[in-house]
Amino acid sequence: MTLNKIALVTGGSRGLGRNMAIKIAEKGIDVVITYHSNEVKANEVVNEIEQLGRKAKAFRLDTGNTKVFKDFAVDLSTYLKNEYGAAHFDFLVNNAGTGSHTSFADATEDEFDSLVNIHYKGVYFLTQAMLPYLNNEGGIINISSGLARFSHPNTSMYASVKGAIEVLSRVWAAELAPRKIKVNTVAPGAVQTDFNNGMVRDNAVVYERVANMTALGRPGVPDDIGGVIAFLCTDDARWINGQRIEVSGGMHL
């Protein structure tokens, strides 16, 4: 079996996922990313990781569609077997996601189902599909949100599925303990990316509002988050398990 550590990061072509993938590669770990539609951006991330001296590969994947997970598992395992001699990897980062700021009164079943499929059902069954390929003593990192701890209007759908992920992570940590697989949740606060149409990054009113509710006085940037994910993929984090780590600069303390 290869000695190379390998991480799979979903939604790795942009925003936080891109930063996570690059920070993980900087730790000397090879990276596979998935992307929803933008192959050009995904290949840019692959090229940047390869420039760091690590191997990288991008696969297209709709993480909200459980029907494609079996084919993805075949494609991924074939790549790993061909590239490394064994169809296994070490870390799964369930990052892919979309935002929502729809009020409870205006929520629709279609949007609700979409959020559940991407942020909960997809995470659940993609991880299940990956378990045969995940090395013992590896790790699973699920991405939650500060909104699972504090409450803002118009976030009931998004916040509740992230809350479900936090419970799920703790149960997985217990259930996968015989394989020594660590399962943790990272919960970012408001971050300046194109997420939610760049609302935090590009809207001065929102930026200032977030800054005022954050102890460190500003919204986050991708570099604030990616390094934490990368740390959890190292041996220095070997004794962290079943935990929720909020990375928000101290929002709503």
Protein backbone atom coordinates (compact mmCIF):
# COMPACT_ATOMS: atom_id res chain seq x y z
CA MET A 1 0.00 0.00 0.00
CA THR A 2 1.23 3.47 -0.82
CA LEU A 3 2.78 5.57 1.92
CA ASN A 4 1.43 8.73 0.34
CA LYS A 5 -1.34 10.35 2.33
CA ILE A 6 -4.29 11.28 0.13
CA ALA A 7 -7.23 13.57 0.86
CA LEU A 8 -10.54 13.86 -0.99
CA VAL A 9 -12.10 17.33 -0.81
CA THR A 10 -15.59 17.82 -2.24
CA GLY A 11 -16.37 21.20 -3.76
CA GLY A 12 -12.68 21.91 -4.14
CA SER A 13 -12.69 24.14 -7.20
CA ARG A 14 -13.44 27.45 -5.50
CA GLY A 15 -13.90 29.33 -2.24
CA LEU A 16 -13.15 27.49 0.97
CA GLY A 17 -12.77 24.14 -0.78
CA ARG A 18 -10.03 25.48 -3.03
CA ASN A 19 -8.18 26.89 -0.05
CA MET A 20 -8.57 23.64 1.90
CA ALA A 21 -7.18 21.60 -0.98
CA ILE A 22 -4.13 23.83 -1.37
CA LYS A 23 -3.44 24.02 2.37
CA ILE A 24 -3.68 20.23 2.60
CA ALA A 25 -1.21 19.89 -0.27
CA GLU A 26 1.15 22.24 1.54
CA LYS A 27 1.22 19.65 4.33
CA GLY A 28 2.68 17.12 1.88
CA ILE A 29 -0.60 15.33 1.20
CA ASP A 30 -1.86 14.46 -2.29
CA VAL A 31 -5.34 15.72 -3.09
CA VAL A 32 -8.38 14.67 -5.09
CA ILE A 33 -11.06 17.31 -5.49
CA THR A 34 -14.58 17.23 -6.84
CA TYR A 35 -16.34 20.04 -8.66
CA HIS A 36 -19.94 20.56 -9.66
CA SER A 37 -19.61 22.23 -13.09
CA ASN A 38 -16.57 24.49 -13.50
CA GLU A 39 -13.89 22.20 -14.90
CA VAL A 40 -11.62 25.13 -15.75
CA LYS A 41 -11.45 26.32 -12.14
CA ALA A 42 -11.01 22.75 -10.93
CA ASN A 43 -8.05 22.22 -13.24
CA GLU A 44 -6.52 25.48 -12.00
CA VAL A 45 -6.56 24.05 -8.49
CA VAL A 46 -5.03 20.80 -9.73
CA ASN A 47 -2.25 22.75 -11.46
CA GLU A 48 -1.55 24.82 -8.35
CA ILE A 49 -1.29 21.68 -6.21
CA GLU A 50 1.02 20.04 -8.73
CA GLN A 51 3.24 23.12 -8.60
CA LEU A 52 3.60 22.41 -4.88
CA GLY A 53 5.03 19.02 -5.78
CA ARG A 54 1.96 16.98 -4.87
CA LYS A 55 -0.29 14.83 -7.03
CA ALA A 56 -3.81 16.06 -7.72
CA LYS A 57 -6.89 15.01 -9.66
CA ALA A 58 -10.33 16.56 -10.22
CA PHE A 59 -13.58 14.65 -10.73
CA ARG A 60 -16.96 16.08 -11.61
CA LEU A 61 -19.56 15.16 -9.00
CA ASP A 62 -23.02 16.37 -8.02
CA THR A 63 -22.91 15.76 -4.28
CA GLY A 64 -26.68 16.28 -4.05
CA ASN A 65 -27.42 13.31 -6.32
CA THR A 66 -26.93 10.02 -4.51
CA LYS A 67 -27.55 8.04 -7.70
CA VAL A 68 -24.13 8.97 -9.10
CA PHE A 69 -22.10 7.98 -6.03
CA LYS A 70 -21.59 4.36 -7.09
CA ASP A 71 -20.10 5.41 -10.43
CA PHE A 72 -17.95 8.02 -8.69
CA ALA A 73 -16.63 5.38 -6.33
CA VAL A 74 -15.62 3.24 -9.31
CA ASP A 75 -13.90 6.16 -11.05
CA LEU A 76 -12.10 7.25 -7.89
CA SER A 77 -10.96 3.75 -6.92
CA THR A 78 -9.73 3.10 -10.47
CA TYR A 79 -7.68 6.30 -10.41
CA LEU A 80 -6.22 5.49 -6.99
CA LYS A 81 -5.34 1.94 -8.02
CA ASN A 82 -3.68 3.10 -11.23
CA GLU A 83 -1.83 6.02 -9.62
CA TYR A 84 -0.87 4.56 -6.25
CA GLY A 85 -1.29 0.80 -6.56
CA ALA A 86 -4.09 0.67 -3.98
CA ALA A 87 -7.67 1.96 -4.12
CA HIS A 88 -7.52 3.72 -0.76
CA PHE A 89 -7.23 7.24 0.61
CA ASP A 90 -6.84 8.76 4.07
CA PHE A 91 -9.02 11.82 4.58
CA LEU A 92 -12.48 12.81 3.38
CA VAL A 93 -13.47 16.48 3.62
CA ASN A 94 -17.21 16.92 3.01
CA ASN A 95 -17.11 20.56 1.98
CA ALA A 96 -19.37 20.95 -1.08
CA GLY A 97 -22.41 23.11 -0.42
CA THR A 98 -24.73 25.93 -1.34
CA GLY A 99 -26.18 28.79 0.70
CA SER A 100 -29.67 29.93 1.53
CA HIS A 101 -31.20 33.04 3.09
CA THR A 102 -34.86 32.27 2.54
CA SER A 103 -37.25 33.09 5.35
CA PHE A 104 -39.26 30.35 7.06
CA ALA A 105 -42.47 31.92 5.68
CA ASP A 106 -41.17 31.81 2.11
CA ALA A 107 -39.44 28.43 2.20
CA THR A 108 -40.38 25.94 -0.49
CA GLU A 109 -40.14 22.18 -0.49
CA ASP A 110 -37.90 22.30 -3.54
CA GLU A 111 -35.31 24.49 -1.83
CA PHE A 112 -35.61 22.48 1.39
CA ASP A 113 -35.05 19.21 -0.48
CA SER A 114 -32.09 20.68 -2.34
CA LEU A 115 -30.39 21.77 0.88
CA VAL A 116 -31.05 18.44 2.59
CA ASN A 117 -29.76 16.53 -0.45
CA ILE A 118 -26.54 18.54 -0.70
CA HIS A 119 -25.72 19.20 2.94
CA TYR A 120 -27.06 16.12 4.70
CA LYS A 121 -28.27 13.21 2.57
CA GLY A 122 -25.42 13.65 0.11
CA VAL A 123 -22.82 13.81 2.87
CA TYR A 124 -24.33 10.76 4.54
CA PHE A 125 -24.40 8.50 1.50
CA LEU A 126 -21.25 9.76 -0.19
CA THR A 127 -19.34 9.00 3.00
CA GLN A 128 -20.99 5.59 3.13
CA ALA A 129 -19.86 4.95 -0.46
CA MET A 130 -16.31 6.03 0.43
CA LEU A 131 -15.94 3.91 3.58
CA PRO A 132 -14.57 0.83 1.77
CA TYR A 133 -11.78 3.01 0.35
CA LEU A 134 -11.00 5.05 3.47
CA ASN A 135 -7.93 3.79 5.28
CA ASN A 136 -8.15 2.73 8.91
CA GLU A 137 -6.76 5.48 11.16
CA GLY A 138 -7.86 8.03 8.57
CA GLY A 139 -10.23 10.91 9.09
CA ILE A 140 -13.53 12.45 8.06
CA ILE A 141 -14.02 16.22 8.34
CA ASN A 142 -17.53 17.56 7.91
CA ILE A 143 -18.21 21.24 7.36
CA SER A 144 -20.88 22.86 9.47
CA SER A 145 -21.49 26.55 10.20
CA GLY A 146 -21.49 28.99 13.07
CA LEU A 147 -25.23 29.20 12.35
CA ALA A 148 -25.65 25.84 14.04
CA ARG A 149 -24.70 27.56 17.32
CA PHE A 150 -26.24 31.03 17.02
CA SER A 151 -29.45 32.11 15.33
CA HIS A 152 -29.93 34.57 12.50
CA PRO A 153 -33.23 35.19 10.70
CA ASN A 154 -33.77 33.58 7.29
CA THR A 155 -31.38 30.69 7.90
CA SER A 156 -33.72 28.00 9.25
CA MET A 157 -33.16 25.54 6.41
CA TYR A 158 -29.40 25.98 6.10
CA ALA A 159 -28.71 26.10 9.83
CA SER A 160 -30.83 23.06 10.61
CA VAL A 161 -29.10 20.79 8.09
CA LYS A 162 -25.74 21.95 9.46
CA GLY A 163 -26.96 21.12 12.95
CA ALA A 164 -27.84 17.64 11.70
CA ILE A 165 -24.29 17.25 10.35
CA GLU A 166 -22.86 18.03 13.78
CA VAL A 167 -24.93 15.29 15.44
CA LEU A 168 -24.08 12.90 12.62
CA SER A 169 -20.36 13.55 13.05
CA ARG A 170 -20.43 12.63 16.73
CA VAL A 171 -22.29 9.39 16.02
CA TRP A 172 -19.89 8.47 13.24
CA ALA A 173 -16.94 9.12 15.55
CA ALA A 174 -18.35 6.51 17.93
CA GLU A 175 -19.39 4.05 15.24
CA LEU A 176 -16.12 4.17 13.30
CA ALA A 177 -13.98 3.95 16.42
CA PRO A 178 -13.09 0.27 15.82
CA ARG A 179 -11.37 1.38 12.61
CA LYS A 180 -9.65 4.30 14.43
CA ILE A 181 -11.21 6.72 11.92
CA LYS A 182 -11.49 10.19 13.44
CA VAL A 183 -14.59 12.27 12.63
CA ASN A 184 -14.71 15.98 13.37
CA THR A 185 -16.76 19.00 12.36
CA VAL A 186 -15.35 22.38 11.42
CA ALA A 187 -17.83 25.26 11.64
CA PRO A 188 -16.72 28.42 9.83
CA GLY A 189 -18.25 31.77 10.62
CA ALA A 190 -18.98 34.34 7.93
CA VAL A 191 -16.23 34.20 5.30
CA GLN A 192 -15.41 36.45 2.35
CA THR A 193 -15.90 34.20 -0.67
CA ASP A 194 -18.37 34.00 -3.56
CA PHE A 195 -20.63 31.87 -1.32
CA ASN A 196 -24.19 33.25 -1.21
CA ASN A 197 -23.30 35.42 -4.21
CA GLY A 198 -20.40 37.03 -2.38
CA MET A 199 -22.71 38.57 0.21
CA VAL A 200 -20.11 38.93 2.98
CA ARG A 201 -17.28 39.88 0.65
CA ASP A 202 -19.08 42.34 -1.63
CA ASN A 203 -21.87 43.90 0.45
CA ALA A 204 -20.42 46.68 2.61
CA VAL A 205 -23.40 46.68 4.97
CA VAL A 206 -23.15 42.93 5.59
CA TYR A 207 -19.37 43.13 5.94
CA GLU A 208 -19.66 45.79 8.62
CA ARG A 209 -22.43 43.94 10.43
CA VAL A 210 -20.33 40.77 10.59
CA ALA A 211 -17.26 42.72 11.71
CA ASN A 212 -19.22 44.27 14.57
CA MET A 213 -20.44 40.89 15.88
CA THR A 214 -17.00 39.25 15.66
CA ALA A 215 -14.55 39.57 18.53
CA LEU A 216 -11.56 39.83 16.18
CA GLY A 217 -13.27 42.62 14.28
CA ARG A 218 -13.65 41.32 10.72
CA PRO A 219 -15.23 38.57 8.62
CA GLY A 220 -13.08 35.57 7.86
CA VAL A 221 -11.10 34.89 4.70
CA PRO A 222 -10.41 31.46 3.17
CA ASP A 223 -6.89 31.35 4.65
CA ASP A 224 -8.48 31.44 8.11
CA ILE A 225 -10.26 28.15 7.43
CA GLY A 226 -8.15 26.01 5.10
CA GLY A 227 -5.23 25.69 7.48
CA VAL A 228 -7.49 24.27 10.20
CA ILE A 229 -8.74 21.59 7.82
CA ALA A 230 -5.17 20.82 6.79
CA PHE A 231 -4.11 20.52 10.44
CA LEU A 232 -6.83 17.91 11.02
CA CYS A 233 -5.26 15.89 8.21
CA THR A 234 -1.93 15.66 10.04
CA ASP A 235 -0.60 13.44 12.80
CA ASP A 236 -0.55 16.45 15.14
CA ALA A 237 -4.37 16.16 15.24
CA ARG A 238 -4.39 12.42 15.90
CA TRP A 239 -6.13 12.76 19.29
CA ILE A 240 -8.93 15.07 18.16
CA ASN A 241 -12.10 13.09 17.59
CA GLY A 242 -15.83 13.73 17.74
CA GLN A 243 -15.33 17.47 18.12
CA ARG A 244 -16.94 20.61 16.76
CA ILE A 245 -14.30 23.23 16.01
CA GLU A 246 -15.73 26.68 15.29
CA VAL A 247 -13.47 28.93 13.22
CA SER A 248 -15.28 32.25 13.30
CA GLY A 249 -12.98 34.79 14.91
CA GLY A 250 -15.31 34.75 17.90
CA MET A 251 -18.74 35.54 16.48
CA HIS A 252 -21.46 36.14 19.09
CA LEU A 253 -19.31 35.35 22.11
